[in-house]
Amino acid sequence: MTHRRATILLVTLFASSVATVSAHVVRGLSNPTLATAFVSSPTTTLDAPIPVTWGALETGLRVMCFNTANTSVPSAHDPDWPRITAIGFELPGRPLGFSLMSPQNGDWELVEDVRTAIPNHANVTLDFAIVARLTPATLFRREPFDLLGIAPGQERIQAMRFCVSGPFPPGMTIEQIINGVVVRFRRVQPHILSSEVGVWENTANRPIPLYPD
């Protein structure tokens, strides 16, 4: 292989890899530099939820996995915060019947049909949200291992994996589903009960709400 052909091949491979890189950077709407996350499909932008079948029977259910990294810079007031304590999704058609498959450690739960206030925008309905099981005790404890949610300061490759089953709309890729992600950050500001909502930073492709009622 000549040097020129090798260079062209490398450029082609690089372009192909860039085309499959996820690009869902999430920023807080009130504190876009303090509250940041990265939400992506497990491998490529072409990933789709996997149908659940029983023999030849189509159940109408699919399984979606996605990754979430808390890329926020740890707070100068307390490096354990801000933490991601919920990741929710807007979907077309208002489907119901979702279940959390992973993780199964009891630290997270799935809730459906969550009405969510978005600063300076109309409210949105999240078809489902994965929520950390926060209690007053976990909010006030100081030990990092007692704090639930996803800690700050992560690189994208350190993302946490979630898997959910449910009636995901057929034909949608995981990346398209992630377009409607809404992330909740806790304690972006020093006071302990402060909360922040973040969405995909690509405002041209992420109107709020994404799927109006």
Protein backbone atom coordinates (compact mmCIF):
# COMPACT_ATOMS: atom_id res chain seq x y z
CA MET A 1 0.00 0.00 0.00
CA THR A 2 1.37 3.40 -0.95
CA HIS A 3 1.72 6.20 1.58
CA ARG A 4 -0.98 8.20 -0.23
CA ARG A 5 -3.47 5.29 -0.19
CA ALA A 6 -2.72 4.64 3.47
CA THR A 7 -3.36 8.31 4.29
CA ILE A 8 -6.68 8.26 2.42
CA LEU A 9 -7.70 5.08 4.27
CA LEU A 10 -6.89 6.62 7.66
CA VAL A 11 -8.83 9.77 6.80
CA THR A 12 -11.81 7.66 5.72
CA LEU A 13 -11.73 5.60 8.92
CA PHE A 14 -11.46 8.76 11.01
CA ALA A 15 -14.42 10.33 9.23
CA SER A 16 -16.46 7.18 9.78
CA SER A 17 -15.63 7.12 13.48
CA VAL A 18 -16.54 10.78 13.87
CA ALA A 19 -19.88 10.11 12.18
CA THR A 20 -20.75 7.57 14.88
CA VAL A 21 -19.64 9.65 17.88
CA SER A 22 -22.51 10.58 20.18
CA ALA A 23 -23.12 14.26 20.62
CA HIS A 24 -25.62 14.68 23.43
CA VAL A 25 -23.98 17.23 25.66
CA VAL A 26 -26.49 18.31 28.31
CA ARG A 27 -26.27 21.71 30.00
CA GLY A 28 -28.23 23.21 32.86
CA LEU A 29 -30.61 25.90 31.71
CA SER A 30 -29.80 28.21 34.63
CA ASN A 31 -26.13 27.27 35.15
CA PRO A 32 -24.87 25.92 31.79
CA THR A 33 -21.22 25.91 32.84
CA LEU A 34 -21.75 24.40 36.30
CA ALA A 35 -24.21 21.61 35.45
CA THR A 36 -23.14 19.44 32.50
CA ALA A 37 -23.67 15.82 31.47
CA PHE A 38 -23.09 13.51 28.53
CA VAL A 39 -25.81 11.04 27.53
CA SER A 40 -25.16 8.56 24.73
CA SER A 41 -26.04 5.24 23.17
CA PRO A 42 -23.75 2.33 24.14
CA THR A 43 -21.87 2.10 20.82
CA THR A 44 -22.90 4.09 17.75
CA THR A 45 -25.52 6.60 16.63
CA LEU A 46 -27.26 3.77 14.73
CA ASP A 47 -28.09 1.79 17.88
CA ALA A 48 -31.80 0.99 18.15
CA PRO A 49 -33.82 -0.47 21.03
CA ILE A 50 -33.90 -4.28 20.73
CA PRO A 51 -37.35 -5.86 20.22
CA VAL A 52 -38.55 -8.31 22.86
CA THR A 53 -40.16 -11.36 21.23
CA TRP A 54 -41.65 -14.61 22.48
CA GLY A 55 -41.03 -17.12 19.73
CA ALA A 56 -42.75 -15.59 16.72
CA LEU A 57 -44.85 -13.27 18.90
CA GLU A 58 -44.04 -9.57 18.76
CA THR A 59 -44.66 -8.16 22.23
CA GLY A 60 -44.43 -4.49 21.26
CA LEU A 61 -41.71 -4.02 23.88
CA ARG A 62 -38.11 -3.03 23.26
CA VAL A 63 -35.01 -2.72 25.43
CA MET A 64 -32.91 0.44 25.33
CA CYS A 65 -29.57 0.94 27.06
CA PHE A 66 -27.85 4.30 27.38
CA ASN A 67 -24.91 5.85 29.19
CA THR A 68 -24.89 8.93 31.44
CA ALA A 69 -21.78 10.73 32.67
CA ASN A 70 -21.81 13.65 35.09
CA THR A 71 -19.20 15.92 33.51
CA SER A 72 -19.91 18.81 35.91
CA VAL A 73 -16.88 20.29 37.64
CA PRO A 74 -17.02 19.40 41.37
CA SER A 75 -18.22 22.33 43.45
CA ALA A 76 -15.66 24.40 45.33
CA HIS A 77 -18.07 24.34 48.30
CA ASP A 78 -18.38 20.54 48.32
CA PRO A 79 -16.62 18.31 45.74
CA ASP A 80 -19.29 15.59 46.09
CA TRP A 81 -21.77 17.88 44.30
CA PRO A 82 -23.54 18.63 41.96
CA ARG A 83 -24.91 15.13 41.45
CA ILE A 84 -27.22 13.80 38.77
CA THR A 85 -30.30 12.45 40.51
CA ALA A 86 -32.70 11.88 37.60
CA ILE A 87 -32.61 11.22 33.85
CA GLY A 88 -35.94 11.44 32.00
CA PHE A 89 -37.13 11.27 28.42
CA GLU A 90 -39.81 12.86 26.27
CA LEU A 91 -41.19 10.44 23.67
CA PRO A 92 -43.78 10.84 20.92
CA GLY A 93 -47.23 9.37 21.50
CA ARG A 94 -47.16 9.26 25.32
CA PRO A 95 -46.44 5.53 25.75
CA LEU A 96 -46.71 3.80 29.14
CA GLY A 97 -45.37 0.53 30.54
CA PHE A 98 -41.63 1.11 31.10
CA SER A 99 -39.48 -0.86 33.56
CA LEU A 100 -35.94 -0.40 34.83
CA MET A 101 -33.84 -3.45 33.97
CA SER A 102 -30.42 -2.20 35.07
CA PRO A 103 -29.02 -1.28 37.53
CA GLN A 104 -30.83 -3.49 40.02
CA ASN A 105 -28.97 -2.37 43.15
CA GLY A 106 -31.92 -0.47 44.62
CA ASP A 107 -30.31 2.96 44.23
CA TRP A 108 -32.55 3.92 41.30
CA GLU A 109 -36.24 3.60 40.46
CA LEU A 110 -38.31 4.30 37.35
CA VAL A 111 -41.36 6.56 37.41
CA GLU A 112 -43.70 7.33 34.52
CA ASP A 113 -45.68 10.31 33.27
CA VAL A 114 -43.63 12.94 35.12
CA ARG A 115 -44.72 16.55 34.67
CA THR A 116 -41.56 18.67 34.79
CA ALA A 117 -41.07 22.42 35.04
CA ILE A 118 -38.44 23.80 32.64
CA PRO A 119 -37.13 27.33 33.40
CA ASN A 120 -38.32 29.92 30.86
CA HIS A 121 -40.20 27.27 28.86
CA ALA A 122 -43.48 25.42 28.93
CA ASN A 123 -43.70 22.39 31.20
CA VAL A 124 -42.87 19.03 29.65
CA THR A 125 -44.21 15.55 30.33
CA LEU A 126 -41.49 12.94 30.66
CA ASP A 127 -42.79 9.54 29.62
CA PHE A 128 -40.41 7.99 32.11
CA ALA A 129 -37.59 9.09 34.39
CA ILE A 130 -34.95 7.10 36.25
CA VAL A 131 -34.67 8.68 39.69
CA ALA A 132 -32.14 8.20 42.49
CA ARG A 133 -33.79 7.13 45.73
CA LEU A 134 -33.00 10.28 47.64
CA THR A 135 -34.11 10.72 51.23
CA PRO A 136 -33.46 13.57 53.69
CA ALA A 137 -30.76 11.37 55.24
CA THR A 138 -28.85 10.94 51.98
CA LEU A 139 -29.05 14.67 51.27
CA PHE A 140 -27.40 15.58 54.57
CA ARG A 141 -24.81 12.81 54.96
CA ARG A 142 -21.26 13.75 54.19
CA GLU A 143 -19.68 10.41 53.23
CA PRO A 144 -19.46 10.02 49.42
CA PHE A 145 -20.54 6.36 49.60
CA ASP A 146 -23.79 7.45 51.29
CA LEU A 147 -24.69 9.94 48.56
CA LEU A 148 -26.91 8.61 45.82
CA GLY A 149 -26.98 9.74 42.21
CA ILE A 150 -24.04 10.18 39.83
CA ALA A 151 -21.04 12.08 41.19
CA PRO A 152 -19.44 15.00 39.31
CA GLY A 153 -16.07 15.13 37.59
CA GLN A 154 -16.55 12.15 35.28
CA GLU A 155 -15.07 11.66 31.84
CA ARG A 156 -17.41 10.41 29.13
CA ILE A 157 -15.86 6.94 29.25
CA GLN A 158 -16.77 6.71 32.95
CA ALA A 159 -20.48 6.91 32.19
CA MET A 160 -23.03 4.86 34.09
CA ARG A 161 -25.09 2.37 32.07
CA PHE A 162 -28.90 2.17 32.35
CA CYS A 163 -31.21 -0.28 30.58
CA VAL A 164 -34.97 0.15 30.28
CA SER A 165 -37.70 -1.99 28.70
CA GLY A 166 -40.94 -0.61 27.36
CA PRO A 167 -43.01 0.38 24.31
CA PHE A 168 -40.37 2.52 22.64
CA PRO A 169 -41.63 3.89 19.31
CA PRO A 170 -40.55 1.57 16.47
CA GLY A 171 -38.07 3.02 14.02
CA MET A 172 -36.40 5.38 16.50
CA THR A 173 -32.70 5.01 17.24
CA ILE A 174 -31.41 5.40 20.79
CA GLU A 175 -29.74 8.66 19.78
CA GLN A 176 -33.08 10.00 18.52
CA ILE A 177 -34.71 9.02 21.81
CA ILE A 178 -31.94 10.82 23.70
CA ASN A 179 -32.84 14.04 21.86
CA GLY A 180 -35.63 14.34 24.41
CA VAL A 181 -33.51 13.78 27.51
CA VAL A 182 -33.98 15.94 30.61
CA VAL A 183 -31.40 15.67 33.41
CA ARG A 184 -31.83 16.84 37.00
CA PHE A 185 -28.81 18.05 38.94
CA ARG A 186 -28.93 18.54 42.69
CA ARG A 187 -27.02 21.14 44.66
CA VAL A 188 -25.45 23.10 41.81
CA GLN A 189 -25.54 26.08 44.15
CA PRO A 190 -24.22 25.87 47.74
CA HIS A 191 -27.62 25.59 49.45
CA ILE A 192 -28.46 21.93 49.92
CA LEU A 193 -31.89 21.77 48.27
CA SER A 194 -31.01 23.63 45.06
CA SER A 195 -31.99 21.88 41.85
CA GLU A 196 -31.13 22.40 38.19
CA VAL A 197 -32.66 21.04 34.98
CA GLY A 198 -30.52 20.37 31.92
CA VAL A 199 -31.36 19.46 28.32
CA TRP A 200 -29.44 18.71 25.13
CA GLU A 201 -27.46 21.82 24.20
CA ASN A 202 -28.43 21.60 20.50
CA THR A 203 -31.30 24.09 20.73
CA ALA A 204 -31.96 23.94 16.97
CA ASN A 205 -32.99 20.28 17.27
CA ARG A 206 -34.27 20.37 20.83
CA PRO A 207 -37.34 22.59 21.19
CA ILE A 208 -39.01 22.53 24.60
CA PRO A 209 -41.26 20.63 24.74
CA LEU A 210 -39.95 18.33 22.03
CA TYR A 211 -43.34 16.64 21.58
CA PRO A 212 -46.10 19.11 22.54
CA ASP A 213 -49.34 17.66 23.91
